[in-house]
Amino acid sequence: MAQIPGRLWVDTPGGTIKSDPRLVTHTDLGKNISLVIRKKTATECDYAVEITGYLTGDDPSLDYEIEVNYSKVVLMTKNEVQASYASASFKFDYHSFDVEYPIESLDLEVIFPQGFAVTAYGGVFQGRTENLDAQEFQRVQKGFTRNNRGGRFSIKKPAIGFRYFIYWSFSD
């Protein structure tokens, strides 16, 4: 494998990708590993993590972290969420990751600033839709933990073709 594709996007009204994603850390494989932007707009970015000399079955596991800055990606009040998603089938704001290639584990986390009254939940959509998949959620739901500022969703062996996510509701 010479490259691992990736995609970032913003669906939140008024939200943008503020800076190009960048490779922050990665496993030392003794090979050059870099992030290359394939296509970018204000709200979408297709990229690839490229491995010089290919990733082979003899290489250790490749772990990497990508950092990106967004602007206005999360709606911060109950009224904003209700107004923005009034005609949507899924009426909550969420943070997600689409699994498009085999990975061993996925960790998503959402943390709100101190004082925000939110309740977080985990979920699974079928592909790039907002159709809930109850069967896959049942398999992974034990990996979701909630705290008073958000939640964490740790998924072992996430399945290709699913969108794992954390969504939240604001208390009155």
Protein backbone atom coordinates (compact mmCIF):
# COMPACT_ATOMS: atom_id res chain seq x y z
CA MET A 1 0.00 0.00 0.00
CA ALA A 2 1.53 3.28 -1.10
CA GLN A 3 -1.14 5.63 0.25
CA ILE A 4 -4.02 5.77 2.68
CA PRO A 5 -6.84 8.06 1.56
CA GLY A 6 -8.57 10.46 3.91
CA ARG A 7 -11.39 12.97 3.79
CA LEU A 8 -12.37 15.87 6.03
CA TRP A 9 -15.55 17.85 5.64
CA VAL A 10 -17.77 20.41 7.34
CA ASP A 11 -21.55 20.27 7.02
CA THR A 12 -22.33 22.78 9.76
CA PRO A 13 -23.91 25.96 8.33
CA GLY A 14 -21.19 28.64 8.21
CA GLY A 15 -18.42 26.18 9.08
CA THR A 16 -15.09 26.02 7.21
CA ILE A 17 -11.77 24.21 7.20
CA LYS A 18 -9.40 26.93 8.43
CA SER A 19 -6.08 25.27 7.62
CA ASP A 20 -4.81 22.33 5.62
CA PRO A 21 -4.58 19.08 7.58
CA ARG A 22 -1.08 18.14 8.64
CA LEU A 23 0.57 14.94 9.78
CA VAL A 24 1.48 15.49 13.43
CA THR A 25 2.90 12.12 14.49
CA HIS A 26 3.37 8.68 13.00
CA THR A 27 5.03 5.36 13.68
CA ASP A 28 8.68 5.26 12.64
CA LEU A 29 8.78 2.68 9.85
CA GLY A 30 12.12 3.74 8.45
CA LYS A 31 10.21 5.07 5.42
CA ASN A 32 9.20 8.58 4.44
CA ILE A 33 5.57 9.24 5.44
CA SER A 34 3.86 12.44 4.36
CA LEU A 35 0.41 13.96 3.92
CA VAL A 36 -0.53 15.19 0.44
CA ILE A 37 -3.62 17.31 -0.28
CA ARG A 38 -5.52 15.97 -3.30
CA LYS A 39 -8.41 18.44 -3.46
CA LYS A 40 -9.55 21.17 -1.10
CA THR A 41 -12.42 23.61 -0.84
CA ALA A 42 -13.56 25.70 2.13
CA THR A 43 -15.71 22.80 3.39
CA GLU A 44 -14.04 19.60 2.05
CA CYS A 45 -10.54 18.19 1.84
CA ASP A 46 -9.43 14.94 0.21
CA TYR A 47 -5.91 13.93 1.17
CA ALA A 48 -3.64 10.91 1.30
CA VAL A 49 -1.02 9.71 3.73
CA GLU A 50 1.75 8.57 1.38
CA ILE A 51 4.34 5.94 2.27
CA THR A 52 7.53 5.96 0.20
CA GLY A 53 8.44 2.38 -0.65
CA TYR A 54 4.96 1.07 0.18
CA LEU A 55 3.51 -0.27 3.41
CA THR A 56 3.99 -4.04 3.37
CA GLY A 57 2.83 -6.93 5.51
CA ASP A 58 6.31 -7.06 7.05
CA ASP A 59 6.07 -3.50 8.38
CA PRO A 60 4.85 -2.81 11.92
CA SER A 61 1.41 -1.24 12.37
CA LEU A 62 1.23 2.33 11.12
CA ASP A 63 -0.28 4.70 13.67
CA TYR A 64 -0.61 8.36 12.79
CA GLU A 65 -2.33 11.52 13.94
CA ILE A 66 -3.62 14.29 11.71
CA GLU A 67 -4.37 17.81 12.92
CA VAL A 68 -6.67 20.30 11.24
CA ASN A 69 -8.20 23.59 12.34
CA TYR A 70 -11.86 24.29 11.71
CA SER A 71 -13.99 27.38 12.18
CA LYS A 72 -17.63 27.32 13.31
CA VAL A 73 -17.87 23.53 13.06
CA VAL A 74 -20.03 23.04 16.15
CA LEU A 75 -23.27 24.83 16.88
CA MET A 76 -23.10 26.01 20.48
CA THR A 77 -26.74 26.53 21.45
CA LYS A 78 -29.94 24.54 21.37
CA ASN A 79 -31.61 27.27 19.26
CA GLU A 80 -28.85 27.15 16.61
CA VAL A 81 -29.16 23.36 16.33
CA GLN A 82 -32.96 23.48 16.07
CA ALA A 83 -32.87 26.20 13.40
CA SER A 84 -30.07 24.60 11.35
CA TYR A 85 -31.47 21.07 11.36
CA ALA A 86 -35.21 21.81 11.30
CA SER A 87 -35.72 20.04 7.96
CA ALA A 88 -33.04 17.33 8.45
CA SER A 89 -33.92 13.73 9.23
CA PHE A 90 -31.24 13.63 11.98
CA LYS A 91 -31.79 16.71 14.13
CA PHE A 92 -28.52 16.82 16.07
CA ASP A 93 -25.06 18.23 15.52
CA TYR A 94 -22.33 15.55 15.60
CA HIS A 95 -18.64 14.71 15.16
CA SER A 96 -17.90 11.65 13.02
CA PHE A 97 -15.42 9.52 11.10
CA ASP A 98 -16.10 7.47 7.95
CA VAL A 99 -14.30 4.13 7.88
CA GLU A 100 -13.18 3.60 4.30
CA TYR A 101 -10.23 1.21 4.80
CA PRO A 102 -9.28 -1.41 7.42
CA ILE A 103 -8.20 -0.01 10.79
CA GLU A 104 -7.72 -1.72 14.14
CA SER A 105 -9.37 0.92 16.32
CA LEU A 106 -11.00 4.33 16.22
CA ASP A 107 -11.22 6.88 19.03
CA LEU A 108 -13.56 9.86 18.78
CA GLU A 109 -13.88 12.43 21.53
CA VAL A 110 -15.99 15.55 22.00
CA ILE A 111 -15.27 17.92 24.88
CA PHE A 112 -17.31 21.06 25.46
CA PRO A 113 -16.05 24.04 27.46
CA GLN A 114 -16.72 24.08 31.19
CA GLY A 115 -20.28 25.14 31.99
CA PHE A 116 -22.00 23.81 28.85
CA ALA A 117 -24.97 21.64 29.77
CA VAL A 118 -24.79 18.87 27.14
CA THR A 119 -25.53 15.18 27.05
CA ALA A 120 -23.48 13.18 24.55
CA TYR A 121 -24.43 9.92 22.79
CA GLY A 122 -22.71 7.51 20.42
CA GLY A 123 -24.11 6.39 17.08
CA VAL A 124 -23.45 4.64 13.79
CA PHE A 125 -24.70 5.64 10.34
CA GLN A 126 -24.70 3.48 7.22
CA GLY A 127 -22.00 4.88 4.95
CA ARG A 128 -22.08 8.59 4.19
CA THR A 129 -25.78 8.79 5.01
CA GLU A 130 -27.63 9.78 8.13
CA ASN A 131 -29.43 6.42 8.31
CA LEU A 132 -28.83 4.86 11.72
CA ASP A 133 -27.52 1.29 11.84
CA ALA A 134 -28.83 -0.32 15.04
CA GLN A 135 -27.05 -3.64 14.52
CA GLU A 136 -23.57 -2.15 14.18
CA PHE A 137 -24.26 0.24 17.07
CA GLN A 138 -25.24 -2.69 19.26
CA ARG A 139 -21.88 -4.31 18.51
CA VAL A 140 -19.83 -1.22 19.49
CA GLN A 141 -21.99 0.65 22.03
CA LYS A 142 -19.97 -0.53 25.05
CA GLY A 143 -17.10 1.60 23.73
CA PHE A 144 -19.05 4.82 24.37
CA THR A 145 -18.51 6.69 27.64
CA ARG A 146 -20.11 9.96 28.67
CA ASN A 147 -18.87 12.61 31.04
CA ASN A 148 -20.23 15.99 32.14
CA ARG A 149 -18.45 17.80 29.25
CA GLY A 150 -19.02 15.41 26.33
CA GLY A 151 -18.09 11.84 25.49
CA ARG A 152 -15.58 9.39 24.08
CA PHE A 153 -16.30 6.59 21.61
CA SER A 154 -13.63 3.87 21.31
CA ILE A 155 -14.40 1.33 18.60
CA LYS A 156 -12.41 -1.89 18.18
CA LYS A 157 -12.34 -3.19 14.60
CA PRO A 158 -14.63 -0.53 13.09
CA ALA A 159 -16.32 -1.90 9.97
CA ILE A 160 -15.65 -0.45 6.53
CA GLY A 161 -18.61 1.48 5.15
CA PHE A 162 -19.89 2.90 8.44
CA ARG A 163 -19.81 6.41 9.90
CA TYR A 164 -19.19 6.32 13.65
CA PHE A 165 -20.16 9.46 15.52
CA ILE A 166 -20.81 11.32 18.75
CA TYR A 167 -23.83 13.61 18.91
CA TRP A 168 -25.17 15.75 21.70
CA SER A 169 -28.20 17.57 23.00
CA PHE A 170 -28.24 20.74 25.02
CA SER A 171 -30.10 20.83 28.33
CA ASP A 172 -32.69 23.54 28.80
